Protein backbone atom coordinates (compact mmCIF):
# COMPACT_ATOMS: atom_id res chain seq x y z
CA MET A 1 -15.37 55.41 -23.97
CA ARG A 2 -15.76 57.94 -26.32
CA ILE A 3 -13.54 58.52 -29.51
CA GLY A 4 -13.56 61.32 -31.98
CA MET A 5 -11.36 61.72 -35.41
CA ALA A 6 -10.48 64.23 -37.96
CA LYS A 7 -8.62 64.93 -40.73
CA ALA A 8 -6.85 67.90 -42.29
CA ASP A 9 -5.29 68.00 -45.48
CA ILE A 10 -2.50 69.62 -44.72
CA THR A 11 -0.88 70.15 -48.53
CA PRO A 12 0.88 73.04 -49.30
CA ARG A 13 -0.87 75.38 -52.00
CA TRP A 14 1.90 77.12 -52.92
CA SER A 15 5.54 76.10 -53.51
CA VAL A 16 7.70 75.16 -50.36
CA TRP A 17 10.72 73.51 -49.60
CA GLN A 18 10.57 69.67 -48.62
CA ASP A 19 12.52 67.73 -45.60
CA GLY A 20 13.85 64.38 -45.67
CA PHE A 21 16.83 64.88 -47.72
CA ALA A 22 19.50 67.55 -47.36
CA ALA A 23 20.27 67.11 -51.23
CA ARG A 24 17.76 68.81 -52.48
CA GLU A 25 18.44 72.24 -53.92
CA ARG A 26 15.41 73.92 -54.42
CA PRO A 27 11.63 73.69 -53.71
CA ALA A 28 8.96 71.50 -54.37
CA GLN A 29 7.24 72.09 -58.61
CA GLY A 30 4.40 69.04 -58.49
CA LEU A 31 2.65 66.90 -56.00
CA ASP A 32 2.28 63.27 -55.78
CA HIS A 33 -0.13 63.06 -52.88
CA PRO A 34 -1.58 65.26 -50.68
CA VAL A 35 -0.16 65.21 -46.82
CA GLU A 36 -2.64 64.91 -44.01
CA ALA A 37 -3.03 65.21 -40.40
CA VAL A 38 -5.12 63.28 -38.18
CA ALA A 39 -6.39 63.75 -34.81
CA ILE A 40 -8.01 60.91 -32.58
CA VAL A 41 -9.41 62.36 -29.07
CA PHE A 42 -10.21 58.91 -26.48
CA ASP A 43 -12.67 60.32 -23.39
CA ASN A 44 -13.79 57.62 -20.76
CA GLY A 45 -15.66 60.87 -18.85
CA ASP A 46 -12.53 61.26 -16.08
CA ALA A 47 -9.94 60.85 -18.72
CA ARG A 48 -8.80 62.87 -22.18
CA LEU A 49 -6.06 62.11 -24.22
CA GLY A 50 -5.19 63.27 -27.77
CA LEU A 51 -2.98 61.59 -30.70
CA LEU A 52 -1.92 63.29 -33.51
CA SER A 53 -0.73 61.89 -36.88
CA VAL A 54 1.09 64.79 -39.31
CA ASP A 55 2.49 63.85 -42.73
CA ILE A 56 5.82 65.89 -41.93
CA CYS A 57 9.49 64.65 -41.12
CA ALA A 58 9.97 65.93 -37.70
CA VAL A 59 7.71 68.62 -35.55
CA ASP A 60 9.34 70.86 -32.80
CA ASP A 61 8.20 73.29 -30.32
CA TYR A 62 6.93 75.68 -32.75
CA LEU A 63 4.19 72.96 -33.29
CA LEU A 64 4.31 70.96 -30.40
CA LEU A 65 3.52 74.10 -28.20
CA PRO A 66 0.24 75.42 -29.52
CA VAL A 67 -1.06 72.25 -30.13
CA ARG A 68 -0.45 71.01 -26.46
CA GLN A 69 -1.64 74.52 -25.52
CA ALA A 70 -5.21 74.00 -27.49
CA ALA A 71 -5.31 70.53 -26.24
CA ALA A 72 -4.82 71.90 -22.51
CA GLU A 73 -7.93 74.24 -23.16
CA LEU A 74 -10.02 70.93 -24.47
CA GLY A 75 -9.17 69.36 -21.38
CA ILE A 76 -6.15 67.06 -22.70
CA PRO A 77 -3.02 67.69 -20.22
CA PRO A 78 0.21 68.08 -22.20
CA ALA A 79 1.33 65.02 -20.97
CA ALA A 80 -1.16 63.25 -22.85
CA MET A 81 -1.26 64.87 -26.11
CA MET A 82 0.71 62.34 -28.40
CA VAL A 83 2.39 63.91 -31.94
CA ASN A 84 3.68 61.76 -34.39
CA THR A 85 4.95 62.31 -37.34
CA THR A 86 5.33 60.04 -40.41
CA HIS A 87 8.71 60.79 -40.53
CA ASP A 88 7.84 61.65 -44.11
CA HIS A 89 11.00 62.25 -46.50
CA SER A 90 8.28 64.16 -49.49
CA GLY A 91 6.19 66.40 -47.03
CA PRO A 92 6.90 70.28 -46.64
CA ASN A 93 9.99 70.82 -44.59
CA ALA A 94 7.97 72.20 -41.07
CA SER A 95 10.44 71.79 -38.29
CA ARG A 96 12.18 74.79 -37.82
CA ILE A 97 15.42 74.07 -35.86
CA ARG A 98 16.05 71.06 -38.33
CA GLY A 99 20.30 71.25 -39.23
CA PHE A 100 20.95 73.52 -41.52
CA ILE A 101 18.88 73.39 -44.14
CA ARG A 102 16.65 76.44 -42.85
CA GLN A 103 14.36 77.06 -45.82
CA PHE A 104 11.16 76.85 -43.80
CA ASP A 105 7.79 79.06 -45.32
CA ASP A 106 6.70 81.00 -42.35
CA ARG A 107 3.03 81.52 -43.89
CA TYR A 108 2.66 77.82 -44.60
CA LEU A 109 3.78 77.22 -40.64
CA GLU A 110 1.07 79.78 -39.69
CA GLU A 111 -1.30 78.04 -41.78
CA LEU A 112 -0.23 74.27 -40.25
CA ARG A 113 0.03 75.25 -37.13
CA GLU A 114 -4.17 76.31 -37.28
CA ALA A 115 -5.15 73.10 -39.35
CA LEU A 116 -3.20 70.78 -36.30
CA VAL A 117 -4.99 72.98 -33.60
CA GLY A 118 -8.02 72.70 -36.00
CA VAL A 119 -8.35 69.40 -36.52
CA LEU A 120 -7.73 68.90 -32.63
CA GLN A 121 -10.69 70.70 -31.87
CA GLN A 122 -12.67 68.73 -34.90
CA ALA A 123 -11.82 65.17 -32.96
CA VAL A 124 -13.41 67.07 -29.69
CA GLU A 125 -16.27 67.95 -31.43
CA GLN A 126 -16.91 64.61 -33.14
CA LEU A 127 -16.73 62.59 -29.59
CA GLU A 128 -19.01 59.33 -30.23
CA GLU A 129 -19.46 56.44 -28.40
CA ALA A 130 -16.95 53.70 -29.32
CA SER A 131 -14.97 50.44 -28.18
CA LEU A 132 -11.59 49.34 -28.82
CA ARG A 133 -10.08 46.29 -30.17
CA TYR A 134 -6.24 45.21 -30.73
CA SER A 135 -3.87 43.26 -33.05
CA VAL A 136 -0.90 42.49 -34.64
CA GLY A 137 0.09 42.03 -37.66
CA SER A 138 3.44 41.41 -39.40
CA CYS A 139 5.17 42.81 -42.42
CA THR A 140 8.63 42.61 -44.23
CA MET A 141 8.26 45.62 -46.88
CA GLY A 142 11.18 47.13 -44.32
CA VAL A 143 14.78 46.45 -44.63
CA SER A 144 17.71 47.66 -42.23
CA ARG A 145 20.17 49.76 -44.17
CA ARG A 146 22.84 49.50 -41.99
CA ARG A 147 25.19 47.02 -43.65
CA HIS A 148 28.61 46.50 -42.27
CA VAL A 149 32.11 44.96 -43.83
CA GLU A 150 34.86 43.87 -41.86
CA GLY A 151 37.20 46.61 -41.45
CA ALA A 152 34.71 49.28 -42.32
CA GLU A 153 32.24 51.52 -40.15
CA ALA A 154 28.13 49.87 -41.27
CA ARG A 155 27.23 52.44 -43.84
CA SER A 156 23.52 53.13 -45.74
CA ALA A 157 22.82 49.52 -47.74
CA PRO A 158 20.14 46.99 -47.69
CA ALA A 159 21.36 44.19 -44.56
CA PRO A 160 18.37 41.73 -45.18
CA ASP A 161 20.99 39.30 -42.39
CA LYS A 162 20.04 42.24 -39.77
CA PRO A 163 17.25 42.12 -37.78
CA ILE A 164 13.86 44.60 -37.93
CA ASP A 165 10.28 44.90 -36.14
CA THR A 166 8.06 43.22 -38.04
CA ASP A 167 4.91 43.78 -36.33
CA VAL A 168 2.16 46.20 -37.49
CA PRO A 169 0.06 46.84 -34.31
CA ILE A 170 -3.47 47.51 -35.33
CA LEU A 171 -5.83 49.63 -33.31
CA SER A 172 -9.53 49.46 -34.42
CA VAL A 173 -12.09 51.66 -33.89
CA LEU A 174 -15.91 50.49 -33.55
CA SER A 175 -19.01 52.05 -33.21
CA PRO A 176 -21.49 50.13 -30.97
CA THR A 177 -23.34 48.39 -33.72
CA GLY A 178 -19.59 46.63 -34.60
CA GLU A 179 -18.85 49.17 -37.59
CA ARG A 180 -15.24 49.94 -38.01
CA ARG A 181 -15.16 53.72 -37.99
CA GLY A 182 -11.37 53.39 -38.02
CA LEU A 183 -8.56 51.98 -38.02
CA ILE A 184 -5.01 53.28 -36.29
CA PHE A 185 -2.02 51.11 -37.55
CA GLY A 186 1.84 51.17 -37.14
CA TYR A 187 5.01 50.33 -39.04
CA GLY A 188 8.79 51.13 -38.02
CA CYS A 189 10.50 52.00 -41.78
CA HIS A 190 12.28 55.39 -43.30
CA PRO A 191 9.45 56.86 -45.69
CA SER A 192 12.52 57.38 -48.31
CA THR A 193 11.54 55.47 -50.99
CA ILE A 194 11.81 58.16 -53.55
CA ALA A 195 13.47 61.21 -53.63
CA THR A 196 11.92 63.81 -56.14
CA TYR A 197 10.67 67.57 -56.18
CA ASN A 198 7.10 66.66 -55.55
CA ILE A 199 5.51 66.76 -52.43
CA GLY A 200 3.81 63.33 -51.55
CA THR A 201 3.71 61.04 -48.05
CA ASP A 202 5.41 58.21 -49.44
CA TYR A 203 4.21 54.60 -48.47
CA PRO A 204 2.61 55.68 -45.22
CA GLY A 205 -0.45 57.42 -47.72
CA TYR A 206 -0.61 54.79 -49.80
CA ALA A 207 -1.08 52.01 -47.29
CA ARG A 208 -4.07 54.46 -45.68
CA ASP A 209 -5.35 53.99 -48.84
CA TYR A 210 -5.69 50.95 -49.55
CA VAL A 211 -7.01 50.09 -46.34
CA GLN A 212 -9.86 52.66 -47.02
CA SER A 213 -10.45 51.35 -50.12
CA ARG A 214 -11.35 47.85 -48.42
CA LEU A 215 -12.97 49.29 -45.34
CA LEU A 216 -15.06 51.91 -46.52
CA GLY A 217 -16.25 54.94 -44.30
CA CYS A 218 -13.63 54.02 -41.96
CA GLN A 219 -10.66 56.28 -41.14
CA PRO A 220 -7.16 54.87 -41.38
CA VAL A 221 -4.26 56.25 -39.79
CA PHE A 222 -0.68 55.61 -39.43
CA LEU A 223 1.88 55.88 -36.92
CA GLN A 224 5.14 55.62 -37.45
CA GLY A 225 7.41 53.11 -35.18
CA CYS A 226 11.18 52.39 -34.27
CA GLY A 227 12.39 52.67 -37.88
CA GLY A 228 15.19 54.74 -37.82
CA ASP A 229 17.86 52.49 -39.38
CA VAL A 230 15.10 50.55 -41.38
CA LYS A 231 14.21 51.49 -45.35
CA PRO A 232 11.88 50.06 -47.23
CA ARG A 233 12.79 46.82 -48.96
CA HIS A 234 13.39 48.61 -53.00
CA VAL A 235 16.71 46.73 -53.33
CA THR A 236 19.09 46.82 -56.64
CA PRO A 237 20.37 43.75 -58.26
CA GLU A 238 23.94 45.32 -56.73
CA LEU A 239 22.66 45.33 -53.18
CA GLY A 240 21.64 49.22 -53.37
CA PHE A 241 18.93 51.40 -52.67
CA ALA A 242 16.77 52.42 -55.30
CA SER A 243 14.39 55.40 -55.42
CA GLY A 244 11.31 55.58 -57.29
CA PRO A 245 9.47 55.62 -59.24
CA ILE A 246 5.74 56.61 -57.74
CA GLN A 247 4.96 53.26 -58.82
CA ASP A 248 7.28 51.36 -56.74
CA VAL A 249 6.23 53.93 -53.33
CA ILE A 250 2.36 53.52 -54.51
CA GLU A 251 3.18 49.35 -54.39
CA PHE A 252 4.82 49.61 -50.92
CA GLY A 253 2.13 50.90 -49.63
CA HIS A 254 -0.13 48.41 -50.95
CA GLU A 255 2.04 45.43 -49.34
CA LEU A 256 2.19 47.26 -45.78
CA GLY A 257 -1.88 47.93 -46.30
CA ARG A 258 -2.35 44.39 -47.27
CA ALA A 259 -0.26 43.37 -44.16
CA VAL A 260 -3.28 45.20 -42.26
CA MET A 261 -5.40 44.02 -43.77
CA THR A 262 -4.02 40.26 -43.19
CA GLY A 263 -3.46 41.57 -39.10
CA LEU A 264 -7.29 42.35 -38.81
CA CYS A 265 -8.06 38.36 -39.20
CA ARG A 266 -5.52 37.54 -37.02
CA ARG A 267 -7.29 36.92 -33.10
CA SER A 268 -8.09 40.37 -31.40
CA VAL A 269 -8.41 41.39 -27.82
CA PRO A 270 -11.07 43.92 -26.65
CA LEU A 271 -9.22 46.98 -24.71
CA GLY A 272 -11.00 48.18 -21.72
CA ASP A 273 -11.99 51.90 -20.87
CA GLU A 274 -9.14 53.01 -18.82
CA LEU A 275 -7.41 56.23 -19.56
CA ALA A 276 -4.13 57.19 -18.54
CA ALA A 277 -0.76 59.60 -18.99
CA VAL A 278 2.34 60.53 -18.26
CA SER A 279 5.69 61.63 -19.79
CA GLU A 280 8.85 62.57 -18.70
CA VAL A 281 12.03 64.66 -19.90
CA ILE A 282 15.32 62.68 -19.77
CA HIS A 283 18.88 64.07 -20.31
CA ILE A 284 21.08 61.32 -22.06
CA PRO A 285 24.68 61.77 -21.88
CA PHE A 286 26.69 61.99 -24.61
CA ASP A 287 29.81 60.36 -25.14
CA HIS A 288 32.19 62.75 -25.22
CA GLN A 289 33.21 66.21 -26.01
CA PRO A 290 34.48 66.51 -29.73
CA THR A 291 38.32 66.79 -29.46
CA GLU A 292 40.29 69.07 -31.81
CA SER A 293 41.36 66.06 -34.30
CA GLU A 294 37.54 65.21 -35.21
CA ILE A 295 36.76 69.14 -35.63
CA ALA A 296 39.50 69.50 -37.21
CA GLU A 297 39.50 66.44 -39.94
CA ALA A 298 35.46 67.82 -40.09
CA GLU A 299 36.68 71.33 -40.82
CA ALA A 300 38.83 69.11 -44.14
CA ALA A 301 35.80 66.89 -45.33
CA SER A 302 34.80 67.79 -48.76
CA HIS A 303 31.43 67.34 -48.09
CA TRP A 304 29.78 71.27 -46.80
CA LEU A 305 27.83 69.43 -43.33
CA PRO A 306 30.75 68.31 -41.68
CA ARG A 307 32.60 71.53 -42.29
CA ALA A 308 29.31 73.88 -41.05
CA TRP A 309 29.05 71.12 -37.85
CA ALA A 310 32.48 72.15 -37.06
CA ALA A 311 32.00 75.75 -37.31
CA ARG A 312 29.17 75.67 -35.21
CA VAL A 313 31.06 73.60 -32.59
CA ARG A 314 33.98 76.56 -32.85
CA GLU A 315 32.00 79.01 -32.67
CA THR A 316 30.25 77.54 -29.80
CA VAL A 317 32.90 76.37 -27.45
CA ALA A 318 34.45 80.18 -28.07
CA ARG A 319 31.30 81.43 -25.90
CA GLU A 320 30.16 78.42 -24.15
CA GLY A 321 33.44 77.11 -23.43
CA LYS A 322 31.93 73.38 -24.28
CA LEU A 323 29.02 71.90 -26.27
CA ILE A 324 25.73 70.04 -24.22
CA GLU A 325 26.70 67.32 -22.58
CA ALA A 326 23.93 65.45 -22.60
CA LEU A 327 20.38 65.51 -24.86
CA PRO A 328 16.92 66.50 -23.49
CA VAL A 329 14.28 63.91 -24.72
CA GLU A 330 10.56 63.49 -23.65
CA ILE A 331 9.42 60.10 -22.68
CA GLN A 332 5.78 59.54 -22.81
CA VAL A 333 3.46 56.95 -22.42
CA LEU A 334 -0.34 56.88 -22.95
CA ASN A 335 -2.41 53.82 -21.29
CA ILE A 336 -5.23 53.19 -23.87
CA GLY A 337 -7.72 50.71 -22.12
CA GLY A 338 -4.47 48.89 -21.19
CA LEU A 339 -2.33 48.77 -24.54
CA ARG A 340 0.44 51.18 -23.60
CA LEU A 341 1.62 53.56 -25.92
CA ILE A 342 5.59 54.17 -25.78
CA GLY A 343 6.37 57.79 -27.39
CA LEU A 344 10.04 58.97 -28.05
CA ALA A 345 11.30 62.22 -29.13
CA VAL A 346 14.08 60.78 -30.81
CA GLU A 347 14.89 58.89 -33.94
CA ALA A 348 14.77 55.42 -32.49
CA CYS A 349 16.57 52.51 -34.21
CA SER A 350 14.59 49.63 -34.95
CA GLY A 351 16.44 47.02 -32.27
CA ILE A 352 15.37 49.71 -29.55
CA GLY A 353 11.93 49.41 -30.16
CA LEU A 354 12.50 45.70 -29.55
CA ARG A 355 14.54 45.89 -26.41
CA LEU A 356 11.03 48.07 -25.17
CA LYS A 357 9.07 45.47 -25.80
CA ARG A 358 11.04 42.43 -24.68
CA ASP A 359 11.35 44.47 -21.43
CA LEU A 360 7.59 44.67 -21.77
CA ALA A 361 6.76 41.45 -22.60
CA ASP A 362 3.82 40.57 -19.93
CA LEU A 363 2.09 44.32 -21.26
CA PRO A 364 1.11 45.14 -24.94
CA VAL A 365 3.20 47.70 -26.07
CA TRP A 366 3.36 49.83 -29.28
CA SER A 367 6.81 51.54 -29.87
CA MET A 368 7.31 54.55 -31.48
CA GLY A 369 9.62 57.36 -32.23
CA TYR A 370 9.18 60.45 -33.73
CA CYS A 371 7.01 61.66 -30.95
CA ASN A 372 6.44 65.52 -30.06
CA GLY A 373 10.21 66.57 -31.38
CA GLY A 374 13.52 65.43 -31.16
CA TRP A 375 16.32 64.79 -34.31
CA ASP A 376 18.75 62.88 -33.45
CA TYR A 377 19.04 59.23 -33.34
CA LEU A 378 19.12 56.34 -30.89
CA ALA A 379 20.86 53.47 -31.76
CA PRO A 380 20.97 50.29 -29.74
CA ALA A 381 24.43 49.77 -27.57
CA ALA A 382 24.88 46.69 -29.94
CA GLU A 383 25.47 48.51 -32.80
CA TYR A 384 27.49 50.91 -31.25
CA ALA A 385 30.65 48.69 -32.36
CA ASP A 386 29.99 48.82 -36.11
CA GLY A 387 29.64 52.67 -35.90
CA GLY A 388 28.26 54.37 -38.90
CA TYR A 389 25.90 57.44 -39.48
CA GLU A 390 22.98 56.91 -36.71
CA ILE A 391 25.65 56.18 -34.03
CA THR A 392 27.84 59.58 -34.26
CA ARG A 393 27.47 61.49 -38.19
CA SER A 394 23.82 61.48 -37.51
CA HIS A 395 24.06 64.41 -34.59
CA MET A 396 25.84 66.54 -37.23
CA ASP A 397 22.81 66.92 -39.09
CA SER A 398 20.60 69.57 -36.31
CA VAL A 399 23.03 72.45 -34.96
CA TYR A 400 20.12 74.49 -33.81
CA PRO A 401 19.26 75.27 -30.75
CA PHE A 402 22.85 74.34 -30.01
CA ALA A 403 25.60 71.89 -31.77
CA LYS A 404 26.35 68.42 -30.12
CA PRO A 405 28.91 66.09 -29.79
CA LEU A 406 29.49 62.83 -32.52
CA GLY A 407 26.94 60.71 -30.60
CA LEU A 408 25.34 59.47 -27.19
CA ALA A 409 26.98 57.66 -24.79
CA ILE A 410 26.44 53.70 -25.24
CA GLU A 411 24.31 53.71 -21.85
CA ALA A 412 21.85 55.27 -23.77
CA GLU A 413 19.80 52.63 -24.67
CA ASP A 414 19.62 51.28 -20.78
CA ILE A 415 18.84 54.83 -19.97
CA VAL A 416 15.66 54.95 -22.11
CA ALA A 417 14.72 51.47 -21.49
CA ALA A 418 14.68 52.03 -17.69
CA LYS A 419 12.30 55.09 -17.60
CA VAL A 420 9.96 53.35 -20.13
CA ALA A 421 9.49 50.50 -18.29
CA GLU A 422 9.34 52.56 -15.19
CA LEU A 423 7.12 54.67 -16.39
CA ALA A 424 5.25 51.77 -18.59
CA ARG A 425 4.39 50.41 -15.32
CA LYS A 426 3.16 53.15 -13.16
CA VAL A 427 0.54 54.87 -15.69
């Protein structure tokens, strides 16, 4: 096995809009932490896989397609090239199709695209003999944000009674002499501890910093897991969520970093040198087409977002006769030495990742959302009864390239889980 790793600073050199919070009204004014992209390339002589971690909120085809084209020219097939975004809520706006917040900067996006292609090329150029070991730590830094009160929909508030995925998967890249060249780790939790006008990474960057301070000469890489309904446990005495200050963000990052270091003390297993990949786009049905009463209710809302969604729905129905009936979602599985990295092109809730690991309990599985595009939430069927943002209203957020109905069918979890199991056992 040969493995190459490279890092690029993708911090904007001028003021740009941020992504992640719809309430922002102006471009970023300062910098809390540089944002970065890290590429990892795996090569066993017969196959080559690529993995890219980017400190942005979401990726779409504007970035994904050129990255995969460049990867193909470097011997990495599109199905073997995975792009995972940290889902950074303080990073630069890098998604051209993200809802109504279309304050993107063409010049920055062009530079970002060049940087992602360039860092992938650098990783290939730095391929060196290496081996891999896998271990799993644990962290309770996150908490469910779907608090449910009888008689009302779930709302965004701490719900410590609901389960989350506490796993911290850790992949160590070792030199032939046993030195740790790289450390890839993951966790499922929104990087939304703070909402300011400063570019930053939220907790993932500080977790990387902590790991790097303990493992000198090692390149840390963070991969976002299935944390669509999880926020950092930054809770007020009234059981609400707090925002900032930056020192709190740093400490949450260090908490995850300490969990990584503790995880390295646990039993680890060596991985083999097999490499394989598979990817398939499936279509998940929506629950129903919007009713006239749902559209009218949205038009009468006090907030601009439902009104904008309703206008787009009216426009689409007048032109097409109806909205789309199913959501295209890419499901990708990388087999790295026996470890299955599952990448979903959706904002997957914690219960989805837990389900995938239960269904594949006989295999080492690393489940991730935020891979290769997608903005829509995928929630487990058990959460549908509580309603709330992740089930219905989140689908108002993204109307480009098309407006969507309010919510996926309750069978969505089973559809995705079945396909993941099929691909994970085939690859």
